[in-house]
Amino acid sequence: MDIRLPPVYPITDKTLSGKPTHLAILRELARGGASWVQIRDKVTPDRELAADLLRCVEFAAARGIRLIVDDRCDLALISGAAGVHLGQTDLPPEAARRIVGGRRIIGFSTHTPAQVRAARRMPVDYLGFGPVFGTTTKENAEPPVGLEGLKKACRMADKPVVAIGGIGPGRIRAVLDAGASSAAVISALMGAPDIARRMEGLLREATATG
């Protein structure tokens, strides 16, 4: 699938944002100019999360926003989301592709050059790579790869790469210049007092030249 990733790829977190629903976060991100959003939630009960996702997908579809669901192929299908993002310990991409079909997006997290090489043979549309910098939003995170590690991964990859891990204001341009197609942002957005304004600022930084 030919996809065009945005320069900034926000990932939601209700706890960090203090918002009661992902829809509340999505509204703020949309005001700030987000065109792709990943919904990440490992604690909300399935029934409640599915209802929230349905509302998010309806909202996103009306505004041309692509919505990706973290981990859960079933919830991506039930909600009508644009795709799913998988980690190294989630359902294998080959199995996920059989579930979601050929028209949905599959993203896949990688942390080492070996994993990037292995992903070349997988039915995925983009790779996440990192953590580029130290991060506090994931327990037992892999060691930071740094900008040089990111550059190497981007050269090796045959798919667009989303840099992730410790990325916020002042670092967006660096990861894009290292070869990433997009920069995933979690805590720097979710912890901001004004999510929409922070999103706007990150997009400005991403498109700044010189």
C-alpha atoms as a PDB file:
ATOM      1  CA  MET A   1       0.000   0.000   0.000  1.00  0.00           C
ATOM      2  CA  ASP A   2       1.293   3.426  -0.960  1.00  0.00           C
ATOM      3  CA  ILE A   3       0.933   5.676   2.086  1.00  0.00           C
ATOM      4  CA  ARG A   4       2.043   9.215   2.817  1.00  0.00           C
ATOM      5  CA  LEU A   5       2.879   9.671   6.475  1.00  0.00           C
ATOM      6  CA  PRO A   6       2.511  13.061   8.150  1.00  0.00           C
ATOM      7  CA  PRO A   7       5.641  14.681   9.630  1.00  0.00           C
ATOM      8  CA  VAL A   8       4.136  14.431  13.129  1.00  0.00           C
ATOM      9  CA  TYR A   9       2.265  11.301  14.210  1.00  0.00           C
ATOM     10  CA  PRO A  10       0.517  11.755  17.572  1.00  0.00           C
ATOM     11  CA  ILE A  11      -0.235   8.805  19.858  1.00  0.00           C
ATOM     12  CA  THR A  12      -2.968   9.177  22.453  1.00  0.00           C
ATOM     13  CA  ASP A  13      -2.732   8.475  26.165  1.00  0.00           C
ATOM     14  CA  LYS A  14      -5.712   9.238  28.421  1.00  0.00           C
ATOM     15  CA  THR A  15      -3.693   9.059  31.626  1.00  0.00           C
ATOM     16  CA  LEU A  16      -1.013  11.506  30.503  1.00  0.00           C
ATOM     17  CA  SER A  17      -3.524  13.905  28.960  1.00  0.00           C
ATOM     18  CA  GLY A  18      -5.987  13.821  31.839  1.00  0.00           C
ATOM     19  CA  LYS A  19      -8.803  13.499  29.282  1.00  0.00           C
ATOM     20  CA  PRO A  20     -11.696  11.097  29.937  1.00  0.00           C
ATOM     21  CA  THR A  21     -11.870   9.695  26.392  1.00  0.00           C
ATOM     22  CA  HIS A  22      -9.740   9.317  23.294  1.00  0.00           C
ATOM     23  CA  LEU A  23     -12.366  11.322  21.436  1.00  0.00           C
ATOM     24  CA  ALA A  24     -11.640  14.296  23.700  1.00  0.00           C
ATOM     25  CA  ILE A  25      -7.944  13.989  22.836  1.00  0.00           C
ATOM     26  CA  LEU A  26      -8.701  13.533  19.139  1.00  0.00           C
ATOM     27  CA  ARG A  27     -10.743  16.726  19.050  1.00  0.00           C
ATOM     28  CA  GLU A  28      -7.765  18.664  20.395  1.00  0.00           C
ATOM     29  CA  LEU A  29      -5.331  17.012  17.978  1.00  0.00           C
ATOM     30  CA  ALA A  30      -7.623  17.778  15.062  1.00  0.00           C
ATOM     31  CA  ARG A  31      -7.754  21.438  16.063  1.00  0.00           C
ATOM     32  CA  GLY A  32      -3.971  21.419  15.987  1.00  0.00           C
ATOM     33  CA  GLY A  33      -3.806  20.001  12.467  1.00  0.00           C
ATOM     34  CA  ALA A  34      -3.223  16.267  13.033  1.00  0.00           C
ATOM     35  CA  SER A  35      -3.933  14.098   9.983  1.00  0.00           C
ATOM     36  CA  TRP A  36      -2.942  10.693  11.455  1.00  0.00           C
ATOM     37  CA  VAL A  37      -3.567   9.604  15.040  1.00  0.00           C
ATOM     38  CA  GLN A  38      -2.792   6.344  16.798  1.00  0.00           C
ATOM     39  CA  ILE A  39      -5.129   5.358  19.617  1.00  0.00           C
ATOM     40  CA  ARG A  40      -3.139   3.573  22.311  1.00  0.00           C
ATOM     41  CA  ASP A  41      -4.899   2.107  25.335  1.00  0.00           C
ATOM     42  CA  LYS A  42      -3.941  -0.959  27.356  1.00  0.00           C
ATOM     43  CA  VAL A  43      -6.172  -0.460  30.402  1.00  0.00           C
ATOM     44  CA  THR A  44      -9.703   0.588  29.391  1.00  0.00           C
ATOM     45  CA  PRO A  45     -12.231  -2.284  29.339  1.00  0.00           C
ATOM     46  CA  ASP A  46     -12.949  -3.506  25.817  1.00  0.00           C
ATOM     47  CA  ARG A  47     -16.625  -2.535  25.782  1.00  0.00           C
ATOM     48  CA  GLU A  48     -15.839   1.043  26.812  1.00  0.00           C
ATOM     49  CA  LEU A  49     -12.848   1.299  24.478  1.00  0.00           C
ATOM     50  CA  ALA A  50     -14.817  -0.037  21.488  1.00  0.00           C
ATOM     51  CA  ALA A  51     -17.535   2.574  22.014  1.00  0.00           C
ATOM     52  CA  ASP A  52     -14.929   5.341  22.264  1.00  0.00           C
ATOM     53  CA  LEU A  53     -13.208   4.096  19.099  1.00  0.00           C
ATOM     54  CA  LEU A  54     -16.457   4.092  17.144  1.00  0.00           C
ATOM     55  CA  ARG A  55     -16.979   7.727  18.032  1.00  0.00           C
ATOM     56  CA  CYS A  56     -13.352   8.513  17.184  1.00  0.00           C
ATOM     57  CA  VAL A  57     -13.614   6.877  13.761  1.00  0.00           C
ATOM     58  CA  GLU A  58     -16.798   8.790  12.948  1.00  0.00           C
ATOM     59  CA  PHE A  59     -15.141  12.053  13.991  1.00  0.00           C
ATOM     60  CA  ALA A  60     -11.927  11.256  12.082  1.00  0.00           C
ATOM     61  CA  ALA A  61     -13.706  10.209   8.893  1.00  0.00           C
ATOM     62  CA  ALA A  62     -15.548  13.517   8.722  1.00  0.00           C
ATOM     63  CA  ARG A  63     -12.219  15.370   8.886  1.00  0.00           C
ATOM     64  CA  GLY A  64     -10.003  13.204   6.710  1.00  0.00           C
ATOM     65  CA  ILE A  65      -7.937  11.920   9.632  1.00  0.00           C
ATOM     66  CA  ARG A  66      -6.465   8.419   9.465  1.00  0.00           C
ATOM     67  CA  LEU A  67      -6.998   6.564  12.702  1.00  0.00           C
ATOM     68  CA  ILE A  68      -4.699   3.684  13.677  1.00  0.00           C
ATOM     69  CA  VAL A  69      -5.411   1.373  16.628  1.00  0.00           C
ATOM     70  CA  ASP A  70      -2.488   0.125  18.694  1.00  0.00           C
ATOM     71  CA  ASP A  71      -2.179  -3.677  19.054  1.00  0.00           C
ATOM     72  CA  ARG A  72      -5.809  -4.674  18.499  1.00  0.00           C
ATOM     73  CA  CYS A  73      -6.839  -6.016  15.079  1.00  0.00           C
ATOM     74  CA  ASP A  74     -10.288  -6.855  16.429  1.00  0.00           C
ATOM     75  CA  LEU A  75     -10.969  -3.325  17.619  1.00  0.00           C
ATOM     76  CA  ALA A  76      -9.598  -1.852  14.391  1.00  0.00           C
ATOM     77  CA  LEU A  77     -12.089  -3.963  12.424  1.00  0.00           C
ATOM     78  CA  ILE A  78     -15.021  -3.379  14.758  1.00  0.00           C
ATOM     79  CA  SER A  79     -14.522   0.388  14.780  1.00  0.00           C
ATOM     80  CA  GLY A  80     -13.712   0.767  11.095  1.00  0.00           C
ATOM     81  CA  ALA A  81     -10.309   2.330  11.792  1.00  0.00           C
ATOM     82  CA  ALA A  82      -7.808   2.799   8.965  1.00  0.00           C
ATOM     83  CA  GLY A  83      -5.349   0.306  10.401  1.00  0.00           C
ATOM     84  CA  VAL A  84      -3.491  -1.261  13.266  1.00  0.00           C
ATOM     85  CA  HIS A  85      -0.022  -0.846  14.756  1.00  0.00           C
ATOM     86  CA  LEU A  86       1.744  -3.963  16.041  1.00  0.00           C
ATOM     87  CA  GLY A  87       4.670  -4.483  18.382  1.00  0.00           C
ATOM     88  CA  GLN A  88       7.263  -7.235  18.424  1.00  0.00           C
ATOM     89  CA  THR A  89       5.237  -9.312  20.890  1.00  0.00           C
ATOM     90  CA  ASP A  90       1.827  -8.726  19.317  1.00  0.00           C
ATOM     91  CA  LEU A  91       0.097 -10.804  16.669  1.00  0.00           C
ATOM     92  CA  PRO A  92       2.543 -11.493  13.784  1.00  0.00           C
ATOM     93  CA  PRO A  93       1.993  -9.151  10.824  1.00  0.00           C
ATOM     94  CA  GLU A  94       1.239 -12.089   8.516  1.00  0.00           C
ATOM     95  CA  ALA A  95      -1.634 -13.185  10.760  1.00  0.00           C
ATOM     96  CA  ALA A  96      -2.800  -9.606  11.217  1.00  0.00           C
ATOM     97  CA  ARG A  97      -2.929  -9.127   7.453  1.00  0.00           C
ATOM     98  CA  ARG A  98      -5.188 -12.142   7.109  1.00  0.00           C
ATOM     99  CA  ILE A  99      -7.507 -10.609   9.693  1.00  0.00           C
ATOM    100  CA  VAL A 100      -7.639  -6.976   8.553  1.00  0.00           C
ATOM    101  CA  GLY A 101      -7.308  -7.605   4.815  1.00  0.00           C
ATOM    102  CA  GLY A 102      -5.305  -5.791   2.191  1.00  0.00           C
ATOM    103  CA  ARG A 103      -6.957  -2.386   2.388  1.00  0.00           C
ATOM    104  CA  ARG A 104      -6.054  -1.522   5.973  1.00  0.00           C
ATOM    105  CA  ILE A 105      -2.716  -0.112   7.103  1.00  0.00           C
ATOM    106  CA  ILE A 106      -0.381  -2.177   9.261  1.00  0.00           C
ATOM    107  CA  GLY A 107       2.458  -0.499  11.147  1.00  0.00           C
ATOM    108  CA  PHE A 108       5.145  -2.529  12.910  1.00  0.00           C
ATOM    109  CA  SER A 109       7.519  -1.536  15.702  1.00  0.00           C
ATOM    110  CA  THR A 110      11.227  -2.328  15.343  1.00  0.00           C
ATOM    111  CA  HIS A 111      14.143  -1.638  17.671  1.00  0.00           C
ATOM    112  CA  THR A 112      17.232  -3.166  16.027  1.00  0.00           C
ATOM    113  CA  PRO A 113      18.780  -3.431  12.554  1.00  0.00           C
ATOM    114  CA  ALA A 114      17.967  -7.154  12.544  1.00  0.00           C
ATOM    115  CA  GLN A 115      14.296  -6.421  13.131  1.00  0.00           C
ATOM    116  CA  VAL A 116      14.299  -3.833  10.350  1.00  0.00           C
ATOM    117  CA  ARG A 117      15.817  -6.388   7.959  1.00  0.00           C
ATOM    118  CA  ALA A 118      13.259  -9.009   8.980  1.00  0.00           C
ATOM    119  CA  ALA A 119      10.424  -6.540   8.368  1.00  0.00           C
ATOM    120  CA  ARG A 120      11.390  -6.299   4.701  1.00  0.00           C
ATOM    121  CA  ARG A 121       9.678  -9.674   4.218  1.00  0.00           C
ATOM    122  CA  MET A 122       6.559  -8.778   6.188  1.00  0.00           C
ATOM    123  CA  PRO A 123       3.213  -7.474   4.885  1.00  0.00           C
ATOM    124  CA  VAL A 124       3.467  -4.135   6.694  1.00  0.00           C
ATOM    125  CA  ASP A 125       3.127  -0.597   5.366  1.00  0.00           C
ATOM    126  CA  TYR A 126       5.405   1.375   7.660  1.00  0.00           C
ATOM    127  CA  LEU A 127       7.889   0.750  10.473  1.00  0.00           C
ATOM    128  CA  GLY A 128       8.197   2.365  13.844  1.00  0.00           C
ATOM    129  CA  PHE A 129      11.823   2.565  15.000  1.00  0.00           C
ATOM    130  CA  GLY A 130      13.211   3.500  18.375  1.00  0.00           C
ATOM    131  CA  PRO A 131      13.345   4.581  21.037  1.00  0.00           C
ATOM    132  CA  VAL A 132      15.499   7.262  19.467  1.00  0.00           C
ATOM    133  CA  PHE A 133      15.875   9.046  22.801  1.00  0.00           C
ATOM    134  CA  GLY A 134      15.101   7.964  26.348  1.00  0.00           C
ATOM    135  CA  THR A 135      11.402   7.575  27.044  1.00  0.00           C
ATOM    136  CA  THR A 136       9.221   7.227  30.129  1.00  0.00           C
ATOM    137  CA  THR A 137       5.969   6.271  28.371  1.00  0.00           C
ATOM    138  CA  LYS A 138       6.813   2.591  27.925  1.00  0.00           C
ATOM    139  CA  GLU A 139       7.804   0.158  30.637  1.00  0.00           C
ATOM    140  CA  ASN A 140      10.925  -1.938  29.984  1.00  0.00           C
ATOM    141  CA  ALA A 141      11.744   0.115  26.901  1.00  0.00           C
ATOM    142  CA  GLU A 142      14.627  -0.874  24.659  1.00  0.00           C
ATOM    143  CA  PRO A 143      17.863   1.173  24.966  1.00  0.00           C
ATOM    144  CA  PRO A 144      17.851   4.449  22.987  1.00  0.00           C
ATOM    145  CA  VAL A 145      19.243   4.051  19.461  1.00  0.00           C
ATOM    146  CA  GLY A 146      20.159   7.714  18.963  1.00  0.00           C
ATOM    147  CA  LEU A 147      20.090   9.647  15.707  1.00  0.00           C
ATOM    148  CA  GLU A 148      22.862   7.540  14.184  1.00  0.00           C
ATOM    149  CA  GLY A 149      20.923   4.364  14.867  1.00  0.00           C
ATOM    150  CA  LEU A 150      17.855   5.952  13.305  1.00  0.00           C
ATOM    151  CA  LYS A 151      19.824   6.953  10.201  1.00  0.00           C
ATOM    152  CA  LYS A 152      21.041   3.395   9.767  1.00  0.00           C
ATOM    153  CA  ALA A 153      17.530   1.988  10.133  1.00  0.00           C
ATOM    154  CA  CYS A 154      16.114   4.437   7.597  1.00  0.00           C
ATOM    155  CA  ARG A 155      18.794   3.464   5.073  1.00  0.00           C
ATOM    156  CA  MET A 156      18.031  -0.232   5.593  1.00  0.00           C
ATOM    157  CA  ALA A 157      14.253   0.007   5.515  1.00  0.00           C
ATOM    158  CA  ASP A 158      12.252  -0.477   2.344  1.00  0.00           C
ATOM    159  CA  LYS A 159       9.212   1.175   3.913  1.00  0.00           C
ATOM    160  CA  PRO A 160       8.562   4.575   5.527  1.00  0.00           C
ATOM    161  CA  VAL A 161       9.975   4.866   9.040  1.00  0.00           C
ATOM    162  CA  VAL A 162       8.287   6.555  11.988  1.00  0.00           C
ATOM    163  CA  ALA A 163      10.803   7.601  14.631  1.00  0.00           C
ATOM    164  CA  ILE A 164       9.567   7.147  18.192  1.00  0.00           C
ATOM    165  CA  GLY A 165      10.829   7.617  21.730  1.00  0.00           C
ATOM    166  CA  GLY A 166      11.517  10.805  23.646  1.00  0.00           C
ATOM    167  CA  ILE A 167      10.603  13.077  20.721  1.00  0.00           C
ATOM    168  CA  GLY A 168       9.198  16.512  21.454  1.00  0.00           C
ATOM    169  CA  PRO A 169       9.833  20.201  20.737  1.00  0.00           C
ATOM    170  CA  GLY A 170      13.367  20.796  19.508  1.00  0.00           C
ATOM    171  CA  ARG A 171      13.809  17.218  18.257  1.00  0.00           C
ATOM    172  CA  ILE A 172      11.268  16.904  15.434  1.00  0.00           C
ATOM    173  CA  ARG A 173      13.481  18.384  12.746  1.00  0.00           C
ATOM    174  CA  ALA A 174      16.471  16.271  13.814  1.00  0.00           C
ATOM    175  CA  VAL A 175      14.688  12.934  13.394  1.00  0.00           C
ATOM    176  CA  LEU A 176      13.190  13.956  10.057  1.00  0.00           C
ATOM    177  CA  ASP A 177      16.610  15.094   8.835  1.00  0.00           C
ATOM    178  CA  ALA A 178      17.964  11.689   9.912  1.00  0.00           C
ATOM    179  CA  GLY A 179      15.714  10.073   7.324  1.00  0.00           C
ATOM    180  CA  ALA A 180      12.480   9.334   9.184  1.00  0.00           C
ATOM    181  CA  SER A 181       9.267  10.029   7.299  1.00  0.00           C
ATOM    182  CA  SER A 182       7.461  10.916  10.503  1.00  0.00           C
ATOM    183  CA  ALA A 183       8.008  11.589  14.196  1.00  0.00           C
ATOM    184  CA  ALA A 184       5.712   9.884  16.693  1.00  0.00           C
ATOM    185  CA  VAL A 185       4.980  12.037  19.736  1.00  0.00           C
ATOM    186  CA  ILE A 186       3.311  10.903  22.948  1.00  0.00           C
ATOM    187  CA  SER A 187       4.245  12.580  26.245  1.00  0.00           C
ATOM    188  CA  ALA A 188       5.268  15.941  24.742  1.00  0.00           C
ATOM    189  CA  LEU A 189       1.741  16.209  23.338  1.00  0.00           C
ATOM    190  CA  MET A 190      -0.328  14.390  25.918  1.00  0.00           C
ATOM    191  CA  GLY A 191       1.309  16.238  28.798  1.00  0.00           C
ATOM    192  CA  ALA A 192       0.924  19.667  27.229  1.00  0.00           C
ATOM    193  CA  PRO A 193      -1.486  22.127  28.884  1.00  0.00           C
ATOM    194  CA  ASP A 194      -2.909  22.899  25.425  1.00  0.00           C
ATOM    195  CA  ILE A 195      -2.700  19.846  23.145  1.00  0.00           C
ATOM    196  CA  ALA A 196      -3.961  21.683  20.059  1.00  0.00           C
ATOM    197  CA  ARG A 197      -1.426  24.482  20.402  1.00  0.00           C
ATOM    198  CA  ARG A 198       1.406  22.015  21.021  1.00  0.00           C
ATOM    199  CA  MET A 199       0.368  20.047  17.916  1.00  0.00           C
ATOM    200  CA  GLU A 200       0.437  23.231  15.855  1.00  0.00           C
ATOM    201  CA  GLY A 201       3.899  24.046  17.170  1.00  0.00           C
ATOM    202  CA  LEU A 202       5.288  20.607  16.345  1.00  0.00           C
ATOM    203  CA  LEU A 203       3.942  20.818  12.796  1.00  0.00           C
ATOM    204  CA  ARG A 204       5.554  24.240  12.382  1.00  0.00           C
ATOM    205  CA  GLU A 205       8.845  22.842  13.577  1.00  0.00           C
ATOM    206  CA  ALA A 206       8.533  19.879  11.207  1.00  0.00           C
ATOM    207  CA  THR A 207       8.084  22.119   8.171  1.00  0.00           C
ATOM    208  CA  ALA A 208      10.651  24.753   9.164  1.00  0.00           C
ATOM    209  CA  THR A 209      13.685  25.146   6.911  1.00  0.00           C
ATOM    210  CA  GLY A 210      17.120  26.526   7.584  1.00  0.00           C
END
